[in-house]
Amino acid sequence: MKKTILFLTSIFFCATLTLAQGKSLPNIDVKTLQGKTINIQDLENDGKPMVISFWATWCKPCKKELNTIAEVYDDWQEETGVKLIAISIDDTRSMSKVAPYVNSSDWDYEVYLDSNSDLKRAMGVSTVPHTFLINGEGKIVWNHKGYIDGDEEELYEQIQHLVTK
């Protein structure tokens, strides 16, 4: 019985990871830290890859992932042209903590607020951190849930694979 449940859980997990792949970004508005509204479909990077990372100020693995990537982000951009976009899912109660945290972290990322979780729901994000890799045509080609040390290396390998195609 345990093996059956484990097997079904594994199948479900794999299915949810692949459902988003090949899809375009949804037609959803988010806010900048300055309060300006932007549609997520308007994000572009001149045909180069983009990483969209869902995070929250209360999520230690999220902050660790984004802070770790921040240390190598300049190199990543120079080598691949990738752009990282951090989407905060902090709700209205904790949203006021986002800008101070981002400013103190010295991130060079674009940061947007999804305080109503519209984008989170549309992209099937159930837990954070949840990271998506978008190709130059705006299609989701890879995604990953959670973070442990070293996951950023797998992400970078995926980015390099896109730019060498």
Protein backbone atom coordinates (compact mmCIF):
# COMPACT_ATOMS: atom_id res chain seq x y z
CA MET A 1 0.00 0.00 0.00
CA LYS A 2 2.81 2.40 0.90
CA LYS A 3 4.54 1.69 -2.40
CA THR A 4 1.33 2.40 -4.32
CA ILE A 5 0.81 5.72 -2.55
CA LEU A 6 4.45 6.67 -3.10
CA PHE A 7 4.19 5.73 -6.78
CA LEU A 8 0.99 7.74 -7.29
CA THR A 9 2.48 10.72 -5.46
CA SER A 10 5.56 10.54 -7.70
CA ILE A 11 3.41 10.41 -10.84
CA PHE A 12 1.34 13.40 -9.67
CA PHE A 13 4.48 15.40 -8.84
CA CYS A 14 6.04 14.70 -12.23
CA ALA A 15 2.80 15.52 -14.02
CA THR A 16 2.48 18.89 -12.30
CA LEU A 17 6.07 19.75 -13.21
CA THR A 18 5.49 19.00 -16.88
CA LEU A 19 2.02 20.56 -17.22
CA ALA A 20 3.40 24.09 -17.42
CA GLN A 21 6.16 23.26 -19.86
CA GLY A 22 5.60 24.50 -23.39
CA LYS A 23 2.97 27.01 -22.29
CA SER A 24 3.23 30.76 -22.66
CA LEU A 25 3.02 33.17 -19.77
CA PRO A 26 -0.57 33.94 -18.75
CA ASN A 27 -2.34 37.27 -19.29
CA ILE A 28 -2.07 38.44 -15.66
CA ASP A 29 -1.21 41.83 -14.14
CA VAL A 30 1.31 42.24 -11.32
CA LYS A 31 2.61 45.36 -9.58
CA THR A 32 6.08 46.84 -9.44
CA LEU A 33 7.51 47.83 -6.08
CA GLN A 34 6.54 51.39 -7.00
CA GLY A 35 2.88 50.37 -7.51
CA LYS A 36 2.82 50.44 -11.33
CA THR A 37 0.80 47.68 -13.01
CA ILE A 38 2.47 45.50 -15.63
CA ASN A 39 1.13 42.52 -17.55
CA ILE A 40 3.36 39.48 -17.19
CA GLN A 41 3.06 38.80 -20.94
CA ASP A 42 4.80 42.13 -21.60
CA LEU A 43 8.01 40.86 -20.01
CA GLU A 44 10.70 40.20 -22.58
CA ASN A 45 14.44 39.87 -22.86
CA ASP A 46 15.29 40.40 -26.54
CA GLY A 47 14.96 36.70 -27.36
CA LYS A 48 17.14 35.59 -24.46
CA PRO A 49 16.03 33.38 -21.57
CA MET A 50 14.21 34.63 -18.50
CA VAL A 51 13.93 33.05 -15.08
CA ILE A 52 10.79 33.70 -13.07
CA SER A 53 11.15 32.85 -9.41
CA PHE A 54 8.18 32.88 -7.06
CA TRP A 55 9.22 33.73 -3.50
CA ALA A 56 8.04 35.30 -0.25
CA THR A 57 9.69 37.26 2.55
CA TRP A 58 8.66 34.58 5.07
CA CYS A 59 10.25 31.77 3.00
CA LYS A 60 13.85 31.06 4.06
CA PRO A 61 14.63 28.70 1.13
CA CYS A 62 13.30 31.35 -1.29
CA LYS A 63 15.56 34.04 0.09
CA LYS A 64 18.52 31.67 0.18
CA GLU A 65 18.00 30.74 -3.48
CA LEU A 66 17.68 34.33 -4.66
CA ASN A 67 20.61 35.52 -2.52
CA THR A 68 22.78 32.67 -3.82
CA ILE A 69 21.91 33.49 -7.43
CA ALA A 70 22.59 37.19 -6.74
CA GLU A 71 26.23 36.29 -6.08
CA VAL A 72 26.67 34.90 -9.61
CA TYR A 73 23.95 36.80 -11.47
CA ASP A 74 26.34 39.25 -13.17
CA ASP A 75 28.34 36.33 -14.58
CA TRP A 76 25.17 34.58 -15.69
CA GLN A 77 23.97 37.71 -17.49
CA GLU A 78 27.33 38.27 -19.15
CA GLU A 79 27.57 34.66 -20.35
CA THR A 80 23.94 34.01 -21.33
CA GLY A 81 21.99 37.29 -21.30
CA VAL A 82 19.47 35.76 -18.88
CA LYS A 83 17.10 38.01 -16.94
CA LEU A 84 15.77 37.00 -13.54
CA ILE A 85 12.36 38.18 -12.40
CA ALA A 86 11.38 37.64 -8.78
CA ILE A 87 7.64 37.47 -8.11
CA SER A 88 6.71 37.98 -4.47
CA ILE A 89 3.58 36.15 -3.33
CA ASP A 90 3.47 38.07 -0.05
CA ASP A 91 -0.13 38.98 0.74
CA THR A 92 -1.37 42.41 1.80
CA ARG A 93 -0.30 41.76 5.40
CA SER A 94 3.36 41.09 4.59
CA MET A 95 3.69 42.99 1.29
CA SER A 96 5.20 46.02 3.07
CA LYS A 97 8.26 43.88 3.92
CA VAL A 98 9.14 43.15 0.28
CA ALA A 99 10.77 46.46 -0.78
CA PRO A 100 12.91 46.82 2.37
CA TYR A 101 14.11 43.22 2.01
CA VAL A 102 14.90 43.63 -1.70
CA ASN A 103 16.72 46.92 -1.08
CA SER A 104 18.80 45.44 1.73
CA SER A 105 19.64 42.37 -0.38
CA ASP A 106 21.07 44.41 -3.25
CA TRP A 107 19.36 42.27 -5.90
CA ASP A 108 19.72 43.29 -9.54
CA TYR A 109 16.47 41.50 -10.38
CA GLU A 110 13.17 42.92 -11.51
CA VAL A 111 10.81 42.33 -8.58
CA TYR A 112 7.03 42.26 -8.87
CA LEU A 113 4.19 41.75 -6.41
CA ASP A 114 1.47 39.14 -6.87
CA SER A 115 -0.37 39.97 -3.64
CA ASN A 116 -3.71 38.53 -4.84
CA SER A 117 -1.99 35.31 -6.03
CA ASP A 118 -3.53 35.62 -9.50
CA LEU A 119 -0.26 34.80 -11.29
CA LYS A 120 0.60 32.14 -8.73
CA ARG A 121 -2.68 30.33 -9.44
CA ALA A 122 -2.45 30.79 -13.21
CA MET A 123 1.02 29.23 -13.28
CA GLY A 124 0.12 26.36 -10.95
CA VAL A 125 2.44 27.42 -8.14
CA SER A 126 1.53 25.55 -4.96
CA THR A 127 4.71 26.02 -2.93
CA VAL A 128 7.61 28.44 -2.94
CA PRO A 129 10.23 28.72 -4.09
CA HIS A 130 9.04 27.73 -7.53
CA THR A 131 11.29 28.66 -10.43
CA PHE A 132 10.41 28.73 -14.13
CA LEU A 133 12.76 29.02 -17.10
CA ILE A 134 11.30 30.84 -20.10
CA ASN A 135 12.92 30.54 -23.53
CA GLY A 136 13.42 33.41 -25.98
CA GLU A 137 10.00 32.77 -27.52
CA GLY A 138 8.24 33.24 -24.17
CA LYS A 139 7.52 29.54 -23.57
CA ILE A 140 8.04 27.76 -20.27
CA VAL A 141 10.70 25.12 -20.89
CA TRP A 142 11.64 24.04 -17.36
CA ASN A 143 10.49 24.51 -13.79
CA HIS A 144 11.59 23.47 -10.34
CA LYS A 145 9.95 23.45 -6.92
CA GLY A 146 11.85 24.00 -3.69
CA TYR A 147 15.48 24.82 -3.08
CA ILE A 148 18.48 23.03 -1.68
CA ASP A 149 22.09 24.13 -2.02
CA GLY A 150 23.26 23.44 -5.55
CA ASP A 151 19.88 23.78 -7.28
CA GLU A 152 21.11 27.04 -8.82
CA GLU A 153 23.74 25.01 -10.69
CA GLU A 154 21.05 22.88 -12.32
CA LEU A 155 19.16 26.06 -13.26
CA TYR A 156 22.29 27.53 -14.83
CA GLU A 157 22.88 24.33 -16.81
CA GLN A 158 19.34 24.61 -18.17
CA ILE A 159 19.94 28.26 -19.09
CA GLN A 160 23.21 27.37 -20.86
CA HIS A 161 21.42 24.58 -22.74
CA LEU A 162 18.90 27.13 -24.06
CA VAL A 163 21.49 29.60 -25.30
CA THR A 164 23.63 26.96 -27.01
CA LYS A 165 20.78 25.48 -29.06
